[in-house]
């Protein structure tokens, strides 16, 4: 497993390939739909909002969208973000 910038853990692509070849799509809380959902959110954000992403700033975009993905069910996401920024 590898750790994304925001602290969530996802399986890397080699592990996902091994899981898919064995029809093993879930391991505990981690499953292939998690990473597919993250990439879908990232792709929609890049195509719909930013239209273009340079390699220089890609880590910043990934960090932003990993934060959004990890907090997608948090009703107070904005308040939590402001609190974190003020620390």
PDB file of N, CA and C in Angstrom:
ATOM      1  N   UNK A   1       0.835  -1.183   0.000  1.00  0.00           N
ATOM      2  CA  UNK A   1       0.000   0.000   0.000  1.00  0.00           C
ATOM      3  C   UNK A   1       0.875   1.239   0.000  1.00  0.00           C
ATOM      4  N   UNK A   2       0.319   2.322  -0.531  1.00  0.00           N
ATOM      5  CA  UNK A   2       1.035   3.584  -0.468  1.00  0.00           C
ATOM      6  C   UNK A   2       0.108   4.632   0.128  1.00  0.00           C
ATOM      7  N   UNK A   3       0.688   5.676   0.630  1.00  0.00           N
ATOM      8  CA  UNK A   3      -0.076   6.695   1.317  1.00  0.00           C
ATOM      9  C   UNK A   3      -0.190   7.937   0.435  1.00  0.00           C
ATOM     10  N   UNK A   4      -1.409   8.429   0.237  1.00  0.00           N
ATOM     11  CA  UNK A   4      -1.596   9.666  -0.486  1.00  0.00           C
ATOM     12  C   UNK A   4      -1.311  10.832   0.442  1.00  0.00           C
ATOM     13  N   UNK A   5      -1.210  12.016  -0.107  1.00  0.00           N
ATOM     14  CA  UNK A   5      -0.814  13.195   0.654  1.00  0.00           C
ATOM     15  C   UNK A   5      -1.740  13.494   1.821  1.00  0.00           C
ATOM     16  N   UNK A   6      -3.006  13.175   1.700  1.00  0.00           N
ATOM     17  CA  UNK A   6      -3.959  13.534   2.741  1.00  0.00           C
ATOM     18  C   UNK A   6      -4.040  12.511   3.860  1.00  0.00           C
ATOM     19  N   UNK A   7      -3.364  11.394   3.738  1.00  0.00           N
ATOM     20  CA  UNK A   7      -3.362  10.418   4.814  1.00  0.00           C
ATOM     21  C   UNK A   7      -4.166   9.163   4.544  1.00  0.00           C
ATOM     22  N   UNK A   8      -5.016   9.158   3.529  1.00  0.00           N
ATOM     23  CA  UNK A   8      -5.761   7.952   3.194  1.00  0.00           C
ATOM     24  C   UNK A   8      -4.836   6.952   2.545  1.00  0.00           C
ATOM     25  N   UNK A   9      -5.099   5.697   2.707  1.00  0.00           N
ATOM     26  CA  UNK A   9      -4.273   4.669   2.100  1.00  0.00           C
ATOM     27  C   UNK A   9      -5.043   3.997   0.965  1.00  0.00           C
ATOM     28  N   UNK A  10      -4.357   3.782  -0.144  1.00  0.00           N
ATOM     29  CA  UNK A  10      -4.934   3.102  -1.293  1.00  0.00           C
ATOM     30  C   UNK A  10      -3.947   2.045  -1.766  1.00  0.00           C
ATOM     31  N   UNK A  11      -4.454   1.028  -2.402  1.00  0.00           N
ATOM     32  CA  UNK A  11      -3.582   0.017  -2.985  1.00  0.00           C
ATOM     33  C   UNK A  11      -2.889   0.590  -4.209  1.00  0.00           C
ATOM     34  N   UNK A  12      -1.637   0.216  -4.424  1.00  0.00           N
ATOM     35  CA  UNK A  12      -0.965   0.668  -5.638  1.00  0.00           C
ATOM     36  C   UNK A  12      -1.422  -0.178  -6.821  1.00  0.00           C
ATOM     37  N   UNK A  13      -1.032   0.226  -8.018  1.00  0.00           N
ATOM     38  CA  UNK A  13      -1.563  -0.416  -9.228  1.00  0.00           C
ATOM     39  C   UNK A  13      -1.168  -1.880  -9.355  1.00  0.00           C
ATOM     40  N   UNK A  14       0.015  -2.261  -8.890  1.00  0.00           N
ATOM     41  CA  UNK A  14       0.408  -3.669  -8.995  1.00  0.00           C
ATOM     42  C   UNK A  14      -0.463  -4.553  -8.108  1.00  0.00           C
ATOM     43  N   UNK A  15      -0.809  -4.042  -6.927  1.00  0.00           N
ATOM     44  CA  UNK A  15      -1.687  -4.800  -6.033  1.00  0.00           C
ATOM     45  C   UNK A  15      -3.087  -4.878  -6.609  1.00  0.00           C
ATOM     46  N   UNK A  16      -3.561  -3.767  -7.202  1.00  0.00           N
ATOM     47  CA  UNK A  16      -4.887  -3.783  -7.818  1.00  0.00           C
ATOM     48  C   UNK A  16      -4.952  -4.776  -8.965  1.00  0.00           C
ATOM     49  N   UNK A  17      -3.881  -4.855  -9.766  1.00  0.00           N
ATOM     50  CA  UNK A  17      -3.847  -5.812 -10.873  1.00  0.00           C
ATOM     51  C   UNK A  17      -3.906  -7.237 -10.344  1.00  0.00           C
ATOM     52  N   UNK A  18      -3.171  -7.502  -9.275  1.00  0.00           N
ATOM     53  CA  UNK A  18      -3.181  -8.845  -8.688  1.00  0.00           C
ATOM     54  C   UNK A  18      -4.551  -9.173  -8.125  1.00  0.00           C
ATOM     55  N   UNK A  19      -5.180  -8.190  -7.488  1.00  0.00           N
ATOM     56  CA  UNK A  19      -6.518  -8.407  -6.933  1.00  0.00           C
ATOM     57  C   UNK A  19      -7.522  -8.696  -8.046  1.00  0.00           C
ATOM     58  N   UNK A  20      -7.456  -7.929  -9.109  1.00  0.00           N
ATOM     59  CA  UNK A  20      -8.415  -8.086 -10.202  1.00  0.00           C
ATOM     60  C   UNK A  20      -8.243  -9.426 -10.899  1.00  0.00           C
ATOM     61  N   UNK A  21      -7.007  -9.882 -11.019  1.00  0.00           N
ATOM     62  CA  UNK A  21      -6.789 -11.152 -11.705  1.00  0.00           C
ATOM     63  C   UNK A  21      -7.306 -12.326 -10.887  1.00  0.00           C
ATOM     64  N   UNK A  22      -7.405 -12.161  -9.579  1.00  0.00           N
ATOM     65  CA  UNK A  22      -7.908 -13.232  -8.712  1.00  0.00           C
ATOM     66  C   UNK A  22      -9.377 -13.023  -8.362  1.00  0.00           C
ATOM     67  N   UNK A  23     -10.000 -12.015  -8.937  1.00  0.00           N
ATOM     68  CA  UNK A  23     -11.383 -11.654  -8.606  1.00  0.00           C
ATOM     69  C   UNK A  23     -11.520 -11.298  -7.136  1.00  0.00           C
ATOM     70  N   UNK A  24     -10.479 -10.712  -6.584  1.00  0.00           N
ATOM     71  CA  UNK A  24     -10.453 -10.277  -5.193  1.00  0.00           C
ATOM     72  C   UNK A  24     -10.479  -8.754  -5.210  1.00  0.00           C
ATOM     73  N   UNK A  25     -11.671  -8.160  -5.077  1.00  0.00           N
ATOM     74  CA  UNK A  25     -11.810  -6.728  -5.232  1.00  0.00           C
ATOM     75  C   UNK A  25     -11.855  -5.977  -3.913  1.00  0.00           C
ATOM     76  N   UNK A  26     -11.891  -6.675  -2.803  1.00  0.00           N
ATOM     77  CA  UNK A  26     -11.985  -6.028  -1.498  1.00  0.00           C
ATOM     78  C   UNK A  26     -10.983  -6.656  -0.541  1.00  0.00           C
ATOM     79  N   UNK A  27     -10.278  -5.785   0.181  1.00  0.00           N
ATOM     80  CA  UNK A  27      -9.410  -6.220   1.276  1.00  0.00           C
ATOM     81  C   UNK A  27      -9.648  -5.284   2.434  1.00  0.00           C
ATOM     82  N   UNK A  28     -10.464  -5.707   3.376  1.00  0.00           N
ATOM     83  CA  UNK A  28     -10.808  -4.839   4.506  1.00  0.00           C
ATOM     84  C   UNK A  28     -11.622  -3.650   4.027  1.00  0.00           C
ATOM     85  N   UNK A  29     -11.140  -2.443   4.339  1.00  0.00           N
ATOM     86  CA  UNK A  29     -11.830  -1.224   3.918  1.00  0.00           C
ATOM     87  C   UNK A  29     -11.379  -0.745   2.542  1.00  0.00           C
ATOM     88  N   UNK A  30     -10.384  -1.391   1.968  1.00  0.00           N
ATOM     89  CA  UNK A  30      -9.821  -0.961   0.698  1.00  0.00           C
ATOM     90  C   UNK A  30     -10.371  -1.827  -0.426  1.00  0.00           C
ATOM     91  N   UNK A  31     -10.896  -1.174  -1.464  1.00  0.00           N
ATOM     92  CA  UNK A  31     -11.390  -1.919  -2.614  1.00  0.00           C
ATOM     93  C   UNK A  31     -11.154  -1.108  -3.878  1.00  0.00           C
ATOM     94  N   UNK A  32     -11.275  -1.767  -4.999  1.00  0.00           N
ATOM     95  CA  UNK A  32     -10.964  -1.121  -6.272  1.00  0.00           C
ATOM     96  C   UNK A  32     -11.897   0.047  -6.564  1.00  0.00           C
ATOM     97  N   UNK A  33     -13.121   0.031  -6.055  1.00  0.00           N
ATOM     98  CA  UNK A  33     -14.036   1.143  -6.296  1.00  0.00           C
ATOM     99  C   UNK A  33     -13.545   2.434  -5.645  1.00  0.00           C
ATOM    100  N   UNK A  34     -12.779   2.325  -4.555  1.00  0.00           N
ATOM    101  CA  UNK A  34     -12.248   3.529  -3.903  1.00  0.00           C
ATOM    102  C   UNK A  34     -11.331   4.291  -4.841  1.00  0.00           C
ATOM    103  N   UNK A  35     -10.392   3.607  -5.442  1.00  0.00           N
ATOM    104  CA  UNK A  35      -9.441   4.292  -6.313  1.00  0.00           C
ATOM    105  C   UNK A  35     -10.110   4.735  -7.613  1.00  0.00           C
ATOM    106  N   UNK A  36     -11.050   3.948  -8.119  1.00  0.00           N
ATOM    107  CA  UNK A  36     -11.776   4.353  -9.323  1.00  0.00           C
ATOM    108  C   UNK A  36     -12.606   5.605  -9.055  1.00  0.00           C
ATOM    109  N   UNK A  37     -13.202   5.684  -7.880  1.00  0.00           N
ATOM    110  CA  UNK A  37     -13.979   6.858  -7.506  1.00  0.00           C
ATOM    111  C   UNK A  37     -13.077   8.092  -7.371  1.00  0.00           C
ATOM    112  N   UNK A  38     -11.895   7.909  -6.783  1.00  0.00           N
ATOM    113  CA  UNK A  38     -10.952   9.019  -6.646  1.00  0.00           C
ATOM    114  C   UNK A  38     -10.522   9.536  -8.010  1.00  0.00           C
ATOM    115  N   UNK A  39     -10.143   8.630  -8.921  1.00  0.00           N
ATOM    116  CA  UNK A  39      -9.687   9.061 -10.248  1.00  0.00           C
ATOM    117  C   UNK A  39     -10.818   9.733 -11.022  1.00  0.00           C
ATOM    118  N   UNK A  40     -12.046   9.270 -10.816  1.00  0.00           N
ATOM    119  CA  UNK A  40     -13.191   9.903 -11.475  1.00  0.00           C
ATOM    120  C   UNK A  40     -13.361  11.337 -10.979  1.00  0.00           C
ATOM    121  N   UNK A  41     -13.260  11.542  -9.668  1.00  0.00           N
ATOM    122  CA  UNK A  41     -13.360  12.880  -9.098  1.00  0.00           C
ATOM    123  C   UNK A  41     -12.245  13.778  -9.622  1.00  0.00           C
ATOM    124  N   UNK A  42     -11.030  13.249  -9.676  1.00  0.00           N
ATOM    125  CA  UNK A  42      -9.886  14.018 -10.172  1.00  0.00           C
ATOM    126  C   UNK A  42     -10.083  14.393 -11.648  1.00  0.00           C
ATOM    127  N   UNK A  43     -10.491  13.423 -12.446  1.00  0.00           N
ATOM    128  CA  UNK A  43     -10.674  13.674 -13.872  1.00  0.00           C
ATOM    129  C   UNK A  43     -11.763  14.709 -14.134  1.00  0.00           C
ATOM    130  N   UNK A  44     -12.875  14.590 -13.420  1.00  0.00           N
ATOM    131  CA  UNK A  44     -13.955  15.575 -13.580  1.00  0.00           C
ATOM    132  C   UNK A  44     -13.500  16.961 -13.160  1.00  0.00           C
ATOM    133  N   UNK A  45     -12.722  17.033 -12.094  1.00  0.00           N
ATOM    134  CA  UNK A  45     -12.226  18.331 -11.631  1.00  0.00           C
ATOM    135  C   UNK A  45     -11.271  18.965 -12.607  1.00  0.00           C
ATOM    136  N   UNK A  46     -10.368  18.176 -13.154  1.00  0.00           N
ATOM    137  CA  UNK A  46      -9.386  18.709 -14.093  1.00  0.00           C
ATOM    138  C   UNK A  46     -10.063  19.136 -15.387  1.00  0.00           C
ATOM    139  N   UNK A  47     -10.893  18.274 -15.936  1.00  0.00           N
ATOM    140  CA  UNK A  47     -11.555  18.579 -17.212  1.00  0.00           C
ATOM    141  C   UNK A  47     -12.598  19.679 -17.033  1.00  0.00           C
ATOM    142  N   UNK A  48     -13.351  19.619 -15.950  1.00  0.00           N
ATOM    143  CA  UNK A  48     -14.448  20.563 -15.767  1.00  0.00           C
ATOM    144  C   UNK A  48     -14.058  21.893 -15.179  1.00  0.00           C
ATOM    145  N   UNK A  49     -13.055  21.934 -14.315  1.00  0.00           N
ATOM    146  CA  UNK A  49     -12.705  23.165 -13.622  1.00  0.00           C
ATOM    147  C   UNK A  49     -11.424  23.790 -14.148  1.00  0.00           C
ATOM    148  N   UNK A  50     -10.374  22.999 -14.203  1.00  0.00           N
ATOM    149  CA  UNK A  50      -9.067  23.551 -14.521  1.00  0.00           C
ATOM    150  C   UNK A  50      -8.697  23.446 -15.995  1.00  0.00           C
ATOM    151  N   UNK A  51      -9.257  22.522 -16.713  1.00  0.00           N
ATOM    152  CA  UNK A  51      -9.065  22.325 -18.152  1.00  0.00           C
ATOM    153  C   UNK A  51      -7.656  21.892 -18.545  1.00  0.00           C
ATOM    154  N   UNK A  52      -6.673  22.214 -17.733  1.00  0.00           N
ATOM    155  CA  UNK A  52      -5.296  21.854 -18.054  1.00  0.00           C
ATOM    156  C   UNK A  52      -4.498  21.811 -16.756  1.00  0.00           C
ATOM    157  N   UNK A  53      -3.621  20.826 -16.629  1.00  0.00           N
ATOM    158  CA  UNK A  53      -2.797  20.679 -15.428  1.00  0.00           C
ATOM    159  C   UNK A  53      -1.361  20.468 -15.871  1.00  0.00           C
ATOM    160  N   UNK A  54      -0.472  21.288 -15.354  1.00  0.00           N
ATOM    161  CA  UNK A  54       0.938  21.109 -15.695  1.00  0.00           C
ATOM    162  C   UNK A  54       1.583  20.130 -14.730  1.00  0.00           C
ATOM    163  N   UNK A  55       2.620  19.469 -15.180  1.00  0.00           N
ATOM    164  CA  UNK A  55       3.329  18.502 -14.344  1.00  0.00           C
ATOM    165  C   UNK A  55       3.933  19.172 -13.119  1.00  0.00           C
ATOM    166  N   UNK A  56       4.291  20.433 -13.249  1.00  0.00           N
ATOM    167  CA  UNK A  56       4.897  21.171 -12.140  1.00  0.00           C
ATOM    168  C   UNK A  56       3.943  21.272 -10.947  1.00  0.00           C
ATOM    169  N   UNK A  57       2.660  21.473 -11.208  1.00  0.00           N
ATOM    170  CA  UNK A  57       1.683  21.673 -10.143  1.00  0.00           C
ATOM    171  C   UNK A  57       0.817  20.454  -9.871  1.00  0.00           C
ATOM    172  N   UNK A  58       1.081  19.349 -10.541  1.00  0.00           N
ATOM    173  CA  UNK A  58       0.273  18.146 -10.359  1.00  0.00           C
ATOM    174  C   UNK A  58       0.173  17.695  -8.899  1.00  0.00           C
ATOM    175  N   UNK A  59       1.263  17.702  -8.108  1.00  0.00           N
ATOM    176  CA  UNK A  59       1.125  17.295  -6.698  1.00  0.00           C
ATOM    177  C   UNK A  59       0.126  18.153  -5.916  1.00  0.00           C
ATOM    178  N   UNK A  60       0.029  19.432  -6.254  1.00  0.00           N
ATOM    179  CA  UNK A  60      -0.923  20.306  -5.568  1.00  0.00           C
ATOM    180  C   UNK A  60      -2.362  19.948  -5.933  1.00  0.00           C
ATOM    181  N   UNK A  61      -2.590  19.658  -7.209  1.00  0.00           N
ATOM    182  CA  UNK A  61      -3.923  19.234  -7.633  1.00  0.00           C
ATOM    183  C   UNK A  61      -4.299  17.905  -6.981  1.00  0.00           C
ATOM    184  N   UNK A  62      -3.359  16.964  -6.944  1.00  0.00           N
ATOM    185  CA  UNK A  62      -3.627  15.672  -6.314  1.00  0.00           C
ATOM    186  C   UNK A  62      -3.935  15.841  -4.832  1.00  0.00           C
ATOM    187  N   UNK A  63      -3.203  16.720  -4.170  1.00  0.00           N
ATOM    188  CA  UNK A  63      -3.452  16.970  -2.752  1.00  0.00           C
ATOM    189  C   UNK A  63      -4.838  17.573  -2.535  1.00  0.00           C
ATOM    190  N   UNK A  64      -5.214  18.527  -3.381  1.00  0.00           N
ATOM    191  CA  UNK A  64      -6.537  19.139  -3.260  1.00  0.00           C
ATOM    192  C   UNK A  64      -7.648  18.106  -3.443  1.00  0.00           C
ATOM    193  N   UNK A  65      -7.526  17.279  -4.484  1.00  0.00           N
ATOM    194  CA  UNK A  65      -8.591  16.321  -4.755  1.00  0.00           C
ATOM    195  C   UNK A  65      -8.585  15.143  -3.782  1.00  0.00           C
ATOM    196  N   UNK A  66      -7.435  14.808  -3.223  1.00  0.00           N
ATOM    197  CA  UNK A  66      -7.436  13.774  -2.187  1.00  0.00           C
ATOM    198  C   UNK A  66      -8.123  14.304  -0.934  1.00  0.00           C
ATOM    199  N   UNK A  67      -7.929  15.603  -0.625  1.00  0.00           N
ATOM    200  CA  UNK A  67      -8.651  16.215   0.495  1.00  0.00           C
ATOM    201  C   UNK A  67     -10.154  16.194   0.230  1.00  0.00           C
ATOM    202  N   UNK A  68     -10.548  16.586  -0.974  1.00  0.00           N
ATOM    203  CA  UNK A  68     -11.975  16.581  -1.313  1.00  0.00           C
ATOM    204  C   UNK A  68     -12.574  15.180  -1.226  1.00  0.00           C
ATOM    205  N   UNK A  69     -11.831  14.184  -1.733  1.00  0.00           N
ATOM    206  CA  UNK A  69     -12.333  12.810  -1.710  1.00  0.00           C
ATOM    207  C   UNK A  69     -12.463  12.309  -0.274  1.00  0.00           C
ATOM    208  N   UNK A  70     -11.457  12.568   0.549  1.00  0.00           N
ATOM    209  CA  UNK A  70     -11.477  12.084   1.928  1.00  0.00           C
ATOM    210  C   UNK A  70     -12.519  12.782   2.783  1.00  0.00           C
ATOM    211  N   UNK A  71     -12.953  13.951   2.368  1.00  0.00           N
ATOM    212  CA  UNK A  71     -13.944  14.707   3.133  1.00  0.00           C
ATOM    213  C   UNK A  71     -15.279  14.824   2.409  1.00  0.00           C
ATOM    214  N   UNK A  72     -15.532  13.982   1.438  1.00  0.00           N
ATOM    215  CA  UNK A  72     -16.737  14.095   0.625  1.00  0.00           C
ATOM    216  C   UNK A  72     -18.016  13.901   1.435  1.00  0.00           C
ATOM    217  N   UNK A  73     -17.943  13.239   2.573  1.00  0.00           N
ATOM    218  CA  UNK A  73     -19.135  13.021   3.411  1.00  0.00           C
ATOM    219  C   UNK A  73     -19.144  13.937   4.629  1.00  0.00           C
ATOM    220  N   UNK A  74     -18.167  14.798   4.738  1.00  0.00           N
ATOM    221  CA  UNK A  74     -18.055  15.722   5.862  1.00  0.00           C
ATOM    222  C   UNK A  74     -18.906  16.954   5.589  1.00  0.00           C
ATOM    223  N   UNK A  75     -19.944  17.156   6.380  1.00  0.00           N
ATOM    224  CA  UNK A  75     -20.839  18.288   6.174  1.00  0.00           C
ATOM    225  C   UNK A  75     -20.173  19.616   6.537  1.00  0.00           C
ATOM    226  N   UNK A  76     -19.164  19.583   7.402  1.00  0.00           N
ATOM    227  CA  UNK A  76     -18.465  20.794   7.833  1.00  0.00           C
ATOM    228  C   UNK A  76     -17.079  20.893   7.217  1.00  0.00           C
ATOM    229  N   UNK A  77     -16.939  20.471   5.967  1.00  0.00           N
ATOM    230  CA  UNK A  77     -15.629  20.451   5.323  1.00  0.00           C
ATOM    231  C   UNK A  77     -15.014  21.847   5.267  1.00  0.00           C
ATOM    232  N   UNK A  78     -15.793  22.849   4.930  1.00  0.00           N
ATOM    233  CA  UNK A  78     -15.250  24.200   4.828  1.00  0.00           C
ATOM    234  C   UNK A  78     -14.777  24.702   6.187  1.00  0.00           C
ATOM    235  N   UNK A  79     -15.569  24.489   7.229  1.00  0.00           N
ATOM    236  CA  UNK A  79     -15.189  24.913   8.589  1.00  0.00           C
ATOM    237  C   UNK A  79     -13.919  24.189   9.027  1.00  0.00           C
ATOM    238  N   UNK A  80     -13.809  22.898   8.723  1.00  0.00           N
ATOM    239  CA  UNK A  80     -12.608  22.138   9.073  1.00  0.00           C
ATOM    240  C   UNK A  80     -11.389  22.662   8.317  1.00  0.00           C
ATOM    241  N   UNK A  81     -11.575  23.034   7.072  1.00  0.00           N
ATOM    242  CA  UNK A  81     -10.479  23.578   6.270  1.00  0.00           C
ATOM    243  C   UNK A  81     -10.004  24.913   6.840  1.00  0.00           C
ATOM    244  N   UNK A  82     -10.930  25.781   7.182  1.00  0.00           N
ATOM    245  CA  UNK A  82     -10.580  27.087   7.763  1.00  0.00           C
ATOM    246  C   UNK A  82      -9.870  26.888   9.098  1.00  0.00           C
ATOM    247  N   UNK A  83     -10.345  25.971   9.917  1.00  0.00           N
ATOM    248  CA  UNK A  83      -9.714  25.686  11.212  1.00  0.00           C
ATOM    249  C   UNK A  83      -8.284  25.183  11.007  1.00  0.00           C
ATOM    250  N   UNK A  84      -8.095  24.313  10.040  1.00  0.00           N
ATOM    251  CA  UNK A  84      -6.767  23.769   9.760  1.00  0.00           C
ATOM    252  C   UNK A  84      -5.824  24.873   9.252  1.00  0.00           C
ATOM    253  N   UNK A  85      -6.328  25.751   8.415  1.00  0.00           N
ATOM    254  CA  UNK A  85      -5.502  26.839   7.867  1.00  0.00           C
ATOM    255  C   UNK A  85      -5.115  27.855   8.937  1.00  0.00           C
ATOM    256  N   UNK A  86      -5.955  28.035   9.927  1.00  0.00           N
ATOM    257  CA  UNK A  86      -5.680  29.040  10.962  1.00  0.00           C
ATOM    258  C   UNK A  86      -4.693  28.537  12.015  1.00  0.00           C
ATOM    259  N   UNK A  87      -4.367  27.263  12.013  1.00  0.00           N
ATOM    260  CA  UNK A  87      -3.442  26.698  13.011  1.00  0.00           C
ATOM    261  C   UNK A  87      -2.018  26.977  12.668  1.00  0.00           C
TER     262      UNK A  87
END
